[in-house]
Amino acid sequence: MTVNTSLPLAEQIDQILAHVEETKRQERVRLRTPMLIRLWDGEFHLQHVVRVFYEAEFEFIDNDTGPGKLVIPYRMPAAKWLKDMNGRVQRGEKRNVNITVDKNGARWGGKLVDVAVEATEDGDEILTATFASAFEELKYYTVRSNPILPAAFQFPRVFMLPGPARWAILTTLWFQLLRQNANLWNIPNDPLDPDEWEGWNMSNWPIVVEPLSFVQDMAAGTIWGMPISRWQNFVHVVKPILEDGELSFVLRHWLEGDPPAWPGANLRHGTLVVGIRDFSGKLVGTSHGGTIFDGLVRTIAEFTEDLLDSTFEAITDTPTTPSSYLVPGNKYTHPQLPYAVYRPGITPGIRSAKFIDTLATAGHVGTGGHSMPGVNELISAGIQMAGDVIGNLLQVGSIGGSIDTLLKPLYEDTVLAWMWVKNVQRTSNAGWSQYFEIQMDNAGKAYTLSSLMVLRAGLWATRTWFSHEIEILDDAPYLIGDKGLGHLFVGSRVGATLPGDPTGEIKMDRISKLVLSSDRDKFDAWTITIGDDKKNLDPAVRAMERIQQIFGALHDLGVG
């Protein structure tokens, strides 16, 4: 505000008071303006603006993923669109769903995790969509020993980048983004599409880092740090540095109509801009913000195919009905043509039904740590042989063993020590903005049976999967029981239709859990869980749950 000092003092005071009152009025308007919730497809094209909902909650968490939840009536077009994952892919909108929520200058952005459709006992149908904030995307990057070289040859053994902490962290992330987008040693999904070879043009990257030079960060007085990694998760690597310097990631999707992310920025609509802010309020280290020795000491002190996804087919009329179905009194369900199909709103006795679809995440999986059998030994033998030959020619004796001892720390586990696979179908269906990769541990030597099983486990853990939970009354219309006294029991294959689904698709899977419950006001009831009832744990954790017993056997067999 500029006050006209040529006016009498009383009029100057009136101007100031009027400005204060107008400011308060604008703040009241902003406070009363509801949050703006927008849903974007995988290519970041606007699909829906959500103005009607039962519940909306979005958490901002410092340096971690914040959950988001949106509960809306299932009759709304936005709800139908959220649930229609296959339709999004077929229409070219891609599988992923992006969300932005604007309120009073703040913007919460993220991706859809899963959707649940529930038909309640009183006849209401609601959809609950859960989201993960944009920080979750940073957890899908691995800091390789050398991000420029292919996975099969990683020299030097360890990635180290000393410098002012913000610059060092953002530069470390930039190398991984370069590896993702510039197709370094990686063929694009469509090699004949020239647009897919434009990865060096950062204006097309789905994630970019704010420009910050080494000199700028030095002048700002940021503490020094040194990200150190040998194929470790990016967030795990930089978290101690962030905590030490009281630094915070700032992530915001840039949308058309916003001011430039920085002067001269040329970004694609929907780009996630990653920056780091120093909230420490003080300079740490020397008067120049630290030294390389300062940073080193503090760092040490702190220190296949998408067929693995679930696929479903609609059950149609078939000319061959199992003969066992024609036997009177025979109660069971044939796995090839399940007898029981639950249809909320049509099948009697359904108290409630919840349908959950969880989207696939990472499209790339890496593992390893040690060179495949024979590689280190072959390099060692070659060095010793060359050393012995040279030593004999120089008449100084066999020096191959000594040379090998000196060079071993440099070459050991650098060749064919890592494996990295790309799921072409998954990355193609995910859209322009997608989760990148996960790094699996405990594989031991690369290019062995155990490492291949780890890669498969990683793809399985990040697949698309679904779960149904249906609460029913017994004998309505199918009996639940065992020993020939019921049509269904744990392990039986059954079908279920989605409430209000115009396609009438029947999704089939096995019953993974049954819960029998009762109280004084209700008859006995069964709650059926169809499919995988596990929620979204960390992908690596879920994968290791499946393979931890396998490693013992592989080790005993001598193939681990």
Protein backbone atom coordinates (compact mmCIF):
# COMPACT_ATOMS: atom_id res chain seq x y z
CA MET A 1 0.00 0.00 0.00
CA THR A 2 1.22 3.50 -0.86
CA VAL A 3 0.00 6.38 1.30
CA ASN A 4 -0.26 9.84 -0.20
CA THR A 5 1.85 11.82 2.23
CA SER A 6 0.72 15.12 0.71
CA LEU A 7 -2.72 14.66 2.26
CA PRO A 8 -3.55 15.81 5.76
CA LEU A 9 -2.67 13.31 8.50
CA ALA A 10 -6.31 12.49 9.22
CA GLU A 11 -6.92 11.51 5.58
CA GLN A 12 -3.72 9.41 5.58
CA ILE A 13 -5.03 7.53 8.62
CA ASP A 14 -8.38 7.03 6.89
CA GLN A 15 -6.57 5.54 3.87
CA ILE A 16 -4.66 3.12 6.09
CA LEU A 17 -7.80 2.06 7.96
CA ALA A 18 -9.70 1.55 4.70
CA HIS A 19 -6.87 -0.60 3.36
CA VAL A 20 -6.85 -2.72 6.53
CA GLU A 21 -10.62 -3.20 6.33
CA GLU A 22 -10.44 -4.22 2.64
CA THR A 23 -7.67 -6.68 3.45
CA LYS A 24 -9.80 -8.25 6.18
CA ARG A 25 -12.76 -8.49 3.80
CA GLN A 26 -10.66 -10.29 1.19
CA GLU A 27 -9.38 -12.71 3.83
CA ARG A 28 -12.96 -13.48 4.92
CA VAL A 29 -13.90 -14.18 1.31
CA ARG A 30 -10.94 -16.54 0.88
CA LEU A 31 -11.79 -18.36 4.10
CA ARG A 32 -15.38 -18.89 2.99
CA THR A 33 -14.48 -19.94 -0.53
CA PRO A 34 -14.63 -23.75 -0.67
CA MET A 35 -11.62 -25.74 -1.75
CA LEU A 36 -11.26 -26.28 -5.49
CA ILE A 37 -10.97 -30.00 -6.21
CA ARG A 38 -9.99 -30.95 -9.75
CA LEU A 39 -9.49 -34.43 -11.18
CA TRP A 40 -7.06 -34.89 -14.08
CA ASP A 41 -6.37 -37.98 -16.16
CA GLY A 42 -2.97 -39.59 -16.65
CA GLU A 43 -2.06 -37.05 -19.33
CA PHE A 44 -3.12 -34.22 -17.00
CA HIS A 45 -6.22 -33.29 -18.95
CA LEU A 46 -9.02 -31.93 -16.79
CA GLN A 47 -11.88 -34.41 -16.41
CA HIS A 48 -13.97 -33.28 -13.45
CA VAL A 49 -14.34 -30.46 -10.93
CA VAL A 50 -15.78 -31.91 -7.73
CA ARG A 51 -18.10 -29.52 -5.91
CA VAL A 52 -20.42 -31.99 -4.18
CA PHE A 53 -19.01 -34.47 -1.71
CA TYR A 54 -19.72 -36.11 1.63
CA GLU A 55 -16.17 -35.76 2.91
CA ALA A 56 -12.86 -34.37 1.68
CA GLU A 57 -9.63 -34.48 3.66
CA PHE A 58 -6.08 -33.84 2.49
CA GLU A 59 -2.98 -33.80 4.70
CA PHE A 60 0.17 -31.80 4.17
CA ILE A 61 3.09 -33.57 5.90
CA ASP A 62 6.61 -32.19 6.07
CA ASN A 63 9.00 -34.33 4.00
CA ASP A 64 6.59 -37.24 3.77
CA THR A 65 3.55 -38.44 1.88
CA GLY A 66 0.26 -36.92 2.98
CA PRO A 67 -2.91 -38.98 2.56
CA GLY A 68 -6.01 -37.66 0.84
CA LYS A 69 -9.59 -38.88 0.93
CA LEU A 70 -12.63 -37.96 -1.12
CA VAL A 71 -16.07 -39.43 -0.41
CA ILE A 72 -18.74 -38.68 -3.03
CA PRO A 73 -22.08 -40.14 -4.12
CA TYR A 74 -21.55 -42.94 -6.61
CA ARG A 75 -24.24 -41.55 -8.89
CA MET A 76 -22.00 -38.58 -9.77
CA PRO A 77 -20.16 -38.67 -13.13
CA ALA A 78 -16.86 -38.05 -11.31
CA ALA A 79 -17.39 -41.18 -9.22
CA LYS A 80 -18.20 -43.30 -12.28
CA TRP A 81 -15.08 -41.99 -13.99
CA LEU A 82 -12.86 -42.71 -10.97
CA LYS A 83 -14.08 -46.30 -10.85
CA ASP A 84 -13.79 -46.92 -14.59
CA MET A 85 -10.08 -47.77 -14.76
CA ASN A 86 -10.34 -49.94 -17.88
CA GLY A 87 -12.45 -47.32 -19.64
CA ARG A 88 -9.86 -44.64 -18.96
CA VAL A 89 -7.20 -46.75 -20.63
CA GLN A 90 -9.40 -47.54 -23.63
CA ARG A 91 -10.30 -43.88 -24.13
CA GLY A 92 -6.65 -42.84 -24.05
CA GLU A 93 -7.00 -41.06 -20.71
CA LYS A 94 -4.57 -43.56 -19.17
CA ARG A 95 -4.91 -45.47 -15.92
CA ASN A 96 -3.53 -42.93 -13.45
CA VAL A 97 -5.69 -40.22 -11.91
CA ASN A 98 -4.16 -36.97 -10.71
CA ILE A 99 -5.79 -34.56 -8.29
CA THR A 100 -5.15 -30.96 -7.29
CA VAL A 101 -6.83 -29.21 -4.38
CA ASP A 102 -6.49 -25.43 -4.07
CA LYS A 103 -7.32 -23.48 -0.95
CA ASN A 104 -6.15 -20.06 0.08
CA GLY A 105 -2.99 -20.20 -2.06
CA ALA A 106 -2.03 -23.72 -1.01
CA ARG A 107 -2.16 -26.58 -3.49
CA TRP A 108 -2.31 -30.26 -2.57
CA GLY A 109 -1.49 -32.52 -5.47
CA GLY A 110 -1.26 -36.27 -5.74
CA LYS A 111 -2.34 -39.49 -7.40
CA LEU A 112 -5.18 -41.92 -6.89
CA VAL A 113 -4.29 -44.92 -4.74
CA ASP A 114 -7.55 -46.84 -4.69
CA VAL A 115 -11.31 -46.47 -4.96
CA ALA A 116 -13.94 -48.24 -2.90
CA VAL A 117 -17.62 -48.39 -3.81
CA GLU A 118 -19.93 -49.28 -0.97
CA ALA A 119 -23.61 -50.11 -1.03
CA THR A 120 -24.96 -49.50 2.46
CA GLU A 121 -27.88 -51.24 4.14
CA ASP A 122 -30.16 -48.23 3.65
CA GLY A 123 -29.62 -48.26 -0.10
CA ASP A 124 -27.02 -45.49 -0.45
CA GLU A 125 -24.11 -45.99 -2.83
CA ILE A 126 -20.93 -44.05 -2.09
CA LEU A 127 -17.43 -43.98 -3.52
CA THR A 128 -14.38 -43.40 -1.36
CA ALA A 129 -11.23 -42.45 -3.23
CA THR A 130 -7.90 -42.32 -1.43
CA PHE A 131 -4.91 -40.42 -2.75
CA ALA A 132 -1.21 -40.08 -1.98
CA SER A 133 0.37 -36.64 -2.16
CA ALA A 134 3.00 -35.78 -4.75
CA PHE A 135 5.82 -36.54 -2.29
CA GLU A 136 5.06 -40.21 -2.85
CA GLU A 137 6.53 -39.91 -6.34
CA LEU A 138 9.95 -39.08 -4.89
CA LYS A 139 9.94 -42.45 -3.13
CA TYR A 140 10.00 -44.17 -6.50
CA TYR A 141 13.53 -43.15 -7.44
CA THR A 142 16.71 -45.06 -6.79
CA VAL A 143 20.07 -43.29 -6.54
CA ARG A 144 22.36 -45.51 -8.56
CA SER A 145 26.10 -45.71 -8.09
CA ASN A 146 26.43 -44.05 -11.47
CA PRO A 147 23.14 -42.78 -12.97
CA ILE A 148 24.78 -42.13 -16.35
CA LEU A 149 25.97 -45.69 -17.00
CA PRO A 150 23.73 -48.74 -17.66
CA ALA A 151 22.70 -50.98 -14.77
CA ALA A 152 25.04 -53.77 -15.86
CA PHE A 153 28.14 -51.58 -15.48
CA GLN A 154 28.28 -49.32 -12.42
CA PHE A 155 31.58 -47.58 -11.78
CA PRO A 156 32.46 -46.13 -9.34
CA ARG A 157 30.81 -48.34 -6.75
CA VAL A 158 29.25 -45.50 -4.73
CA PHE A 159 27.53 -42.24 -5.67
CA MET A 160 28.80 -39.25 -3.67
CA LEU A 161 28.01 -35.57 -4.26
CA PRO A 162 29.30 -33.11 -1.63
CA GLY A 163 28.02 -29.56 -1.67
CA PRO A 164 25.49 -27.16 -0.15
CA ALA A 165 22.65 -29.38 0.96
CA ARG A 166 19.84 -28.01 -1.22
CA TRP A 167 22.00 -28.04 -4.35
CA ALA A 168 23.35 -31.52 -3.59
CA ILE A 169 19.90 -33.02 -2.99
CA LEU A 170 18.26 -31.41 -6.02
CA THR A 171 21.19 -32.33 -8.27
CA THR A 172 21.02 -35.92 -7.07
CA LEU A 173 17.33 -36.00 -7.96
CA TRP A 174 18.02 -34.35 -11.33
CA PHE A 175 20.37 -37.19 -12.31
CA GLN A 176 17.61 -39.72 -11.65
CA LEU A 177 15.09 -37.64 -13.61
CA LEU A 178 17.56 -37.46 -16.47
CA ARG A 179 17.92 -41.24 -16.42
CA GLN A 180 14.14 -41.61 -16.50
CA ASN A 181 13.32 -39.11 -19.23
CA ALA A 182 16.34 -39.01 -21.53
CA ASN A 183 16.16 -42.77 -22.18
CA LEU A 184 19.80 -43.25 -21.27
CA TRP A 185 20.55 -46.86 -22.19
CA ASN A 186 16.81 -47.47 -22.24
CA ILE A 187 14.68 -47.83 -25.38
CA PRO A 188 11.40 -45.85 -25.28
CA ASN A 189 8.04 -47.62 -25.25
CA ASP A 190 7.66 -46.74 -28.95
CA PRO A 191 11.12 -46.39 -30.55
CA LEU A 192 9.59 -45.20 -33.85
CA ASP A 193 7.79 -42.26 -32.21
CA PRO A 194 10.17 -39.27 -32.49
CA ASP A 195 8.39 -37.50 -29.65
CA GLU A 196 9.56 -40.21 -27.25
CA TRP A 197 13.21 -39.39 -28.00
CA GLU A 198 12.84 -35.81 -26.80
CA GLY A 199 13.74 -36.66 -23.23
CA TRP A 200 16.55 -34.13 -23.12
CA ASN A 201 13.98 -31.36 -23.43
CA MET A 202 13.14 -30.74 -19.77
CA SER A 203 9.99 -28.81 -20.71
CA ASN A 204 8.40 -32.23 -21.35
CA TRP A 205 9.48 -33.87 -18.10
CA PRO A 206 6.65 -34.72 -15.66
CA ILE A 207 8.91 -33.77 -12.72
CA VAL A 208 11.50 -30.98 -12.71
CA VAL A 209 13.66 -29.36 -10.06
CA GLU A 210 13.83 -25.64 -9.43
CA PRO A 211 17.04 -24.09 -10.77
CA LEU A 212 19.55 -23.53 -7.97
CA SER A 213 23.23 -23.04 -8.67
CA PHE A 214 26.06 -24.15 -6.43
CA VAL A 215 27.08 -20.51 -5.87
CA GLN A 216 23.52 -19.44 -5.00
CA ASP A 217 23.17 -22.13 -2.37
CA MET A 218 26.59 -21.32 -0.97
CA ALA A 219 25.66 -17.65 -0.69
CA ALA A 220 22.40 -18.57 1.04
CA GLY A 221 24.36 -20.19 3.84
CA THR A 222 22.82 -23.66 3.51
CA ILE A 223 24.65 -26.34 5.45
CA TRP A 224 26.79 -28.75 3.52
CA GLY A 225 25.78 -32.33 2.95
CA MET A 226 26.78 -35.25 0.82
CA PRO A 227 24.24 -37.74 -0.53
CA ILE A 228 25.89 -41.16 -0.51
CA SER A 229 24.22 -44.11 -2.17
CA ARG A 230 24.77 -47.47 -3.75
CA TRP A 231 21.40 -48.15 -5.32
CA GLN A 232 19.40 -46.88 -2.37
CA ASN A 233 16.04 -45.14 -2.26
CA PHE A 234 16.32 -41.40 -2.90
CA VAL A 235 14.20 -40.31 0.08
CA HIS A 236 16.12 -42.63 2.40
CA VAL A 237 19.41 -41.16 1.21
CA VAL A 238 18.52 -37.49 1.66
CA LYS A 239 16.29 -37.62 4.75
CA PRO A 240 19.15 -37.30 7.30
CA ILE A 241 20.45 -34.25 5.43
CA LEU A 242 16.99 -32.66 5.42
CA GLU A 243 16.56 -33.23 9.14
CA ASP A 244 20.03 -31.95 9.93
CA GLY A 245 19.56 -28.70 8.04
CA GLU A 246 15.86 -28.20 8.86
CA LEU A 247 15.14 -28.26 5.14
CA SER A 248 11.77 -29.05 3.58
CA PHE A 249 10.74 -30.21 0.15
CA VAL A 250 8.23 -27.94 -1.57
CA LEU A 251 6.26 -29.67 -4.32
CA ARG A 252 3.63 -28.04 -6.49
CA HIS A 253 2.00 -28.96 -9.78
CA TRP A 254 2.28 -26.14 -12.29
CA LEU A 255 -1.00 -25.56 -14.11
CA GLU A 256 -1.74 -23.31 -17.05
CA GLY A 257 -2.75 -19.89 -15.75
CA ASP A 258 -0.31 -20.04 -12.84
CA PRO A 259 2.61 -17.60 -12.70
CA PRO A 260 5.83 -19.10 -14.13
CA ALA A 261 7.47 -21.54 -11.73
CA TRP A 262 10.60 -19.41 -12.13
CA PRO A 263 11.49 -16.58 -14.54
CA GLY A 264 11.65 -17.99 -18.05
CA ALA A 265 10.26 -21.42 -17.11
CA ASN A 266 8.76 -23.38 -20.01
CA LEU A 267 6.83 -26.27 -18.52
CA ARG A 268 4.10 -28.61 -19.64
CA HIS A 269 0.74 -28.29 -17.92
CA GLY A 270 0.73 -30.52 -14.81
CA THR A 271 4.48 -30.63 -14.29
CA LEU A 272 5.49 -31.31 -10.69
CA VAL A 273 8.04 -28.69 -9.63
CA VAL A 274 10.35 -29.79 -6.81
CA GLY A 275 12.17 -27.28 -4.65
CA ILE A 276 13.70 -27.17 -1.20
CA ARG A 277 13.20 -24.41 1.36
CA ASP A 278 15.47 -23.65 4.30
CA PHE A 279 13.26 -23.18 7.35
CA SER A 280 16.08 -23.30 9.89
CA GLY A 281 16.13 -19.51 10.28
CA LYS A 282 19.85 -19.52 10.87
CA LEU A 283 23.14 -20.19 9.14
CA VAL A 284 24.81 -23.47 10.06
CA GLY A 285 28.52 -24.24 9.76
CA THR A 286 31.16 -21.64 8.82
CA SER A 287 30.39 -18.08 7.79
CA HIS A 288 30.35 -19.28 4.18
CA GLY A 289 27.81 -22.02 4.88
CA GLY A 290 30.19 -24.90 5.47
CA THR A 291 33.14 -26.65 3.90
CA ILE A 292 33.57 -29.95 2.16
CA PHE A 293 35.10 -31.34 5.36
CA ASP A 294 32.22 -29.91 7.38
CA GLY A 295 29.72 -31.64 5.15
CA LEU A 296 31.61 -34.93 5.17
CA VAL A 297 31.81 -35.09 8.95
CA ARG A 298 28.14 -34.21 9.41
CA THR A 299 27.02 -36.68 6.79
CA ILE A 300 28.92 -39.52 8.43
CA ALA A 301 27.60 -38.52 11.82
CA GLU A 302 23.98 -38.59 10.60
CA PHE A 303 24.20 -41.23 8.68
CA THR A 304 8.03 -58.07 -17.66
CA GLU A 305 5.05 -57.75 -18.52
CA ASP A 306 1.87 -56.39 -16.99
CA LEU A 307 0.43 -59.87 -17.02
CA LEU A 308 1.41 -59.81 -13.38
CA ASP A 309 -1.39 -57.31 -12.85
CA SER A 310 -4.83 -58.64 -12.03
CA THR A 311 -6.97 -59.07 -15.11
CA PHE A 312 -10.66 -59.83 -15.14
CA GLU A 313 -13.06 -61.13 -17.73
CA ALA A 314 -16.81 -60.82 -17.84
CA ILE A 315 -18.59 -64.12 -17.33
CA THR A 316 -20.89 -64.88 -20.26
CA ASP A 317 -23.29 -67.68 -21.12
CA THR A 318 -21.52 -70.92 -21.86
CA PRO A 319 -22.85 -74.00 -23.69
CA THR A 320 -21.18 -76.38 -21.25
CA THR A 321 -22.67 -76.46 -17.79
CA PRO A 322 -20.84 -78.75 -15.31
CA SER A 323 -22.92 -81.89 -14.85
CA SER A 324 -22.43 -81.74 -11.11
CA TYR A 325 -24.70 -78.69 -11.01
CA LEU A 326 -27.57 -80.90 -12.19
CA VAL A 327 -27.39 -83.23 -9.19
CA PRO A 328 -30.13 -82.32 -6.69
CA GLY A 329 -28.83 -81.29 -3.30
CA ASN A 330 -25.22 -81.02 -4.47
CA LYS A 331 -23.88 -77.82 -2.90
CA TYR A 332 -20.60 -76.50 -4.20
CA THR A 333 -19.15 -74.04 -6.74
CA HIS A 334 -17.28 -75.22 -9.82
CA PRO A 335 -14.07 -73.17 -10.27
CA GLN A 336 -14.41 -72.98 -14.07
CA LEU A 337 -17.98 -71.71 -13.98
CA PRO A 338 -18.69 -70.28 -10.51
CA TYR A 339 -22.29 -70.69 -9.49
CA ALA A 340 -22.54 -67.82 -7.02
CA VAL A 341 -22.70 -64.26 -8.33
CA TYR A 342 -23.59 -61.49 -5.89
CA ARG A 343 -25.38 -58.48 -7.34
CA PRO A 344 -25.98 -55.65 -4.84
CA GLY A 345 -29.49 -54.31 -5.26
CA ILE A 346 -30.68 -57.52 -6.91
CA THR A 347 -29.38 -60.47 -4.91
CA PRO A 348 -31.37 -60.65 -1.66
CA GLY A 349 -29.73 -60.62 1.74
CA ILE A 350 -26.79 -58.33 0.95
CA ARG A 351 -26.33 -55.96 3.86
CA SER A 352 -23.46 -53.97 2.40
CA ALA A 353 -20.89 -54.26 -0.34
CA LYS A 354 -17.56 -52.55 -0.81
CA PHE A 355 -15.48 -52.79 -4.00
CA ILE A 356 -11.85 -51.66 -3.92
CA ASP A 357 -9.57 -51.26 -6.95
CA THR A 358 -5.92 -50.46 -6.29
CA LEU A 359 -3.85 -49.07 -9.16
CA ALA A 360 -0.40 -50.26 -10.17
CA THR A 361 2.50 -48.03 -9.14
CA ALA A 362 6.11 -48.43 -10.27
CA GLY A 363 6.77 -49.43 -13.86
CA HIS A 364 10.45 -50.27 -13.32
CA VAL A 365 12.07 -52.64 -10.82
CA GLY A 366 15.75 -52.99 -9.95
CA THR A 367 17.73 -55.39 -7.78
CA GLY A 368 21.20 -56.79 -7.25
CA GLY A 369 24.25 -55.70 -5.32
CA HIS A 370 26.87 -58.28 -6.28
CA SER A 371 28.20 -59.30 -9.67
CA MET A 372 26.81 -62.45 -11.18
CA PRO A 373 28.82 -65.59 -10.43
CA GLY A 374 32.15 -65.69 -12.22
CA VAL A 375 32.43 -61.99 -13.13
CA ASN A 376 34.60 -60.81 -10.23
CA GLU A 377 36.66 -63.98 -10.48
CA LEU A 378 37.19 -63.49 -14.23
CA ILE A 379 38.32 -59.87 -13.77
CA SER A 380 40.64 -60.91 -10.94
CA ALA A 381 42.17 -63.69 -13.01
CA GLY A 382 42.69 -61.32 -15.94
CA ILE A 383 44.43 -58.71 -13.77
CA GLN A 384 46.66 -61.30 -12.13
CA MET A 385 47.59 -62.84 -15.45
CA ALA A 386 48.39 -59.46 -16.99
CA GLY A 387 50.38 -58.45 -13.93
CA ASP A 388 52.39 -61.65 -13.96
CA VAL A 389 53.16 -61.28 -17.67
CA ILE A 390 54.22 -57.64 -17.28
CA GLY A 391 56.26 -58.46 -14.16
CA ASN A 392 58.11 -61.25 -15.90
CA LEU A 393 58.83 -59.04 -18.89
CA LEU A 394 60.25 -56.38 -16.56
CA GLN A 395 62.10 -59.09 -14.63
CA VAL A 396 60.53 -58.03 -11.32
CA GLY A 397 58.68 -61.29 -10.74
CA SER A 398 55.02 -62.11 -10.55
CA ILE A 399 53.22 -58.97 -9.35
CA GLY A 400 49.72 -59.87 -10.56
CA GLY A 401 48.50 -60.74 -7.07
CA SER A 402 49.67 -57.45 -5.64
CA ILE A 403 48.07 -55.42 -8.43
CA ASP A 404 44.82 -57.34 -8.05
CA THR A 405 44.76 -56.62 -4.31
CA LEU A 406 45.13 -52.90 -5.00
CA LEU A 407 42.50 -52.78 -7.76
CA LYS A 408 39.95 -55.11 -6.22
CA PRO A 409 38.11 -52.40 -4.22
CA LEU A 410 37.65 -50.49 -7.49
CA TYR A 411 36.34 -53.22 -9.79
CA GLU A 412 34.59 -55.63 -7.45
CA ASP A 413 30.81 -55.71 -7.93
CA THR A 414 30.79 -53.03 -10.65
CA VAL A 415 30.11 -55.25 -13.70
CA LEU A 416 26.83 -57.18 -14.04
CA ALA A 417 26.04 -56.44 -10.39
CA TRP A 418 22.63 -54.85 -10.93
CA MET A 419 19.49 -55.72 -12.85
CA TRP A 420 16.75 -53.31 -13.92
CA VAL A 421 13.62 -54.18 -15.85
CA LYS A 422 10.88 -52.07 -17.40
CA ASN A 423 7.24 -53.12 -17.60
CA VAL A 424 6.38 -51.72 -21.02
CA GLN A 425 2.63 -52.28 -20.86
CA ARG A 426 2.33 -50.77 -17.39
CA THR A 427 4.35 -47.66 -18.24
CA SER A 428 2.41 -47.23 -21.48
CA ASN A 429 -0.95 -47.41 -19.72
CA ALA A 430 0.00 -45.23 -16.76
CA GLY A 431 0.20 -41.94 -18.63
CA TRP A 432 2.64 -39.07 -18.83
CA SER A 433 2.76 -38.53 -15.07
CA GLN A 434 3.55 -41.83 -13.33
CA TYR A 435 5.51 -43.52 -10.55
CA PHE A 436 8.97 -44.46 -11.76
CA GLU A 437 10.73 -47.36 -10.00
CA ILE A 438 11.32 -49.37 -6.85
CA GLN A 439 14.55 -50.96 -5.71
CA MET A 440 14.34 -54.46 -4.26
CA ASP A 441 16.84 -55.62 -1.65
CA ASN A 442 18.32 -58.93 -0.58
CA ALA A 443 18.80 -60.38 -4.04
CA GLY A 444 22.51 -61.11 -3.56
CA LYS A 445 24.16 -61.82 -6.88
CA ALA A 446 22.55 -60.41 -10.01
CA TYR A 447 21.48 -62.55 -12.96
CA THR A 448 20.74 -65.57 -10.78
CA LEU A 449 17.53 -67.46 -10.08
CA SER A 450 17.02 -65.62 -6.81
CA SER A 451 17.42 -62.20 -8.44
CA LEU A 452 14.88 -63.08 -11.13
CA MET A 453 12.42 -64.10 -8.43
CA VAL A 454 12.99 -60.79 -6.65
CA LEU A 455 12.21 -58.88 -9.86
CA ARG A 456 9.03 -60.89 -10.32
CA ALA A 457 8.07 -60.22 -6.70
CA GLY A 458 8.61 -56.51 -7.24
CA LEU A 459 6.33 -56.47 -10.28
CA TRP A 460 3.74 -58.50 -8.42
CA ALA A 461 3.86 -56.21 -5.38
CA THR A 462 3.20 -53.11 -7.49
CA ARG A 463 0.50 -54.64 -9.69
CA THR A 464 -3.11 -53.56 -10.10
CA TRP A 465 -5.33 -55.56 -7.77
CA PHE A 466 -8.82 -55.54 -6.42
CA SER A 467 -10.70 -56.56 -3.30
CA HIS A 468 -14.41 -57.01 -2.58
CA GLU A 469 -16.03 -57.13 0.83
CA ILE A 470 -19.67 -58.23 0.93
CA GLU A 471 -21.69 -58.65 4.11
CA ILE A 472 -24.56 -61.06 3.56
CA LEU A 473 -27.16 -63.06 5.45
CA ASP A 474 -26.64 -66.80 5.33
CA ASP A 475 -28.90 -68.65 2.87
CA ALA A 476 -29.51 -65.48 0.89
CA PRO A 477 -29.44 -67.02 -1.67
CA TYR A 478 -26.26 -69.09 -1.32
CA LEU A 479 -25.37 -71.14 1.72
CA ILE A 480 -21.96 -70.62 3.26
CA GLY A 481 -20.51 -73.69 4.87
CA ASP A 482 -18.12 -76.59 4.62
CA LYS A 483 -18.29 -80.35 4.36
CA GLY A 484 -20.99 -80.27 1.69
CA LEU A 485 -23.34 -78.12 3.78
CA GLY A 486 -22.80 -74.93 1.83
CA HIS A 487 -22.27 -73.62 -1.67
CA LEU A 488 -19.33 -71.46 -0.66
CA PHE A 489 -16.42 -71.43 1.74
CA VAL A 490 -12.89 -70.06 1.96
CA GLY A 491 -11.16 -70.59 -1.39
CA SER A 492 -14.36 -70.83 -3.44
CA ARG A 493 -14.49 -68.82 -6.64
CA VAL A 494 -17.40 -66.39 -6.71
CA GLY A 495 -18.47 -63.41 -8.75
CA ALA A 496 -19.73 -59.97 -7.87
CA THR A 497 -21.07 -57.03 -9.83
CA LEU A 498 -20.49 -53.38 -9.03
CA PRO A 499 -23.54 -51.44 -7.82
CA GLY A 500 -24.86 -49.24 -10.62
CA ASP A 501 -22.26 -50.42 -13.16
CA PRO A 502 -23.88 -49.98 -16.61
CA THR A 503 -21.53 -52.56 -18.17
CA GLY A 504 -22.76 -55.34 -15.88
CA GLU A 505 -19.23 -56.75 -15.59
CA ILE A 506 -18.84 -59.68 -13.21
CA LYS A 507 -15.48 -59.82 -11.49
CA MET A 508 -14.33 -63.25 -10.40
CA ASP A 509 -11.90 -64.23 -7.68
CA ARG A 510 -11.55 -66.59 -4.73
CA ILE A 511 -12.88 -65.97 -1.24
CA SER A 512 -9.83 -65.01 0.80
CA LYS A 513 -11.56 -64.41 4.12
CA LEU A 514 -14.87 -65.11 5.84
CA VAL A 515 -16.01 -63.42 9.03
CA LEU A 516 -18.96 -64.78 10.98
CA SER A 517 -20.56 -62.23 13.28
CA SER A 518 -23.71 -61.63 15.25
CA ASP A 519 -25.20 -59.40 17.93
CA ARG A 520 -28.44 -59.05 19.83
CA ASP A 521 -30.13 -56.98 17.14
CA LYS A 522 -29.11 -58.97 14.07
CA PHE A 523 -29.15 -62.48 12.72
CA ASP A 524 -25.88 -64.28 12.09
CA ALA A 525 -24.09 -62.70 9.16
CA TRP A 526 -21.08 -63.50 7.02
CA THR A 527 -18.68 -60.91 5.69
CA ILE A 528 -17.01 -62.18 2.53
CA THR A 529 -13.71 -60.80 1.32
CA ILE A 530 -13.12 -61.60 -2.33
CA GLY A 531 -9.61 -61.18 -3.68
CA ASP A 532 -6.58 -59.72 -1.92
CA ASP A 533 -7.68 -57.92 1.24
CA LYS A 534 -4.29 -56.36 2.02
CA LYS A 535 -4.12 -52.60 1.82
CA ASN A 536 -1.26 -50.65 0.26
CA LEU A 537 1.79 -51.40 2.33
CA ASP A 538 5.19 -50.32 1.09
CA PRO A 539 5.78 -52.23 -2.17
CA ALA A 540 9.13 -53.65 -1.05
CA VAL A 541 7.63 -54.81 2.24
CA ARG A 542 4.74 -56.56 0.51
CA ALA A 543 7.12 -58.21 -1.94
CA MET A 544 9.51 -59.47 0.72
CA GLU A 545 6.60 -61.04 2.58
CA ARG A 546 6.14 -63.28 -0.43
CA ILE A 547 9.76 -64.26 -0.97
CA GLN A 548 11.42 -64.32 2.44
CA GLN A 549 10.91 -68.09 2.74
CA ILE A 550 12.19 -68.70 -0.78
CA PHE A 551 15.67 -67.31 -0.09
CA GLY A 552 16.41 -69.93 2.53
CA ALA A 553 15.64 -72.71 0.12
CA LEU A 554 17.62 -71.08 -2.69
CA HIS A 555 20.59 -70.64 -0.38
CA ASP A 556 20.47 -74.30 0.59
CA LEU A 557 20.36 -75.21 -3.10
CA GLY A 558 23.42 -73.08 -3.78
CA VAL A 559 21.74 -70.89 -6.38
CA GLY A 560 21.26 -67.73 -4.26
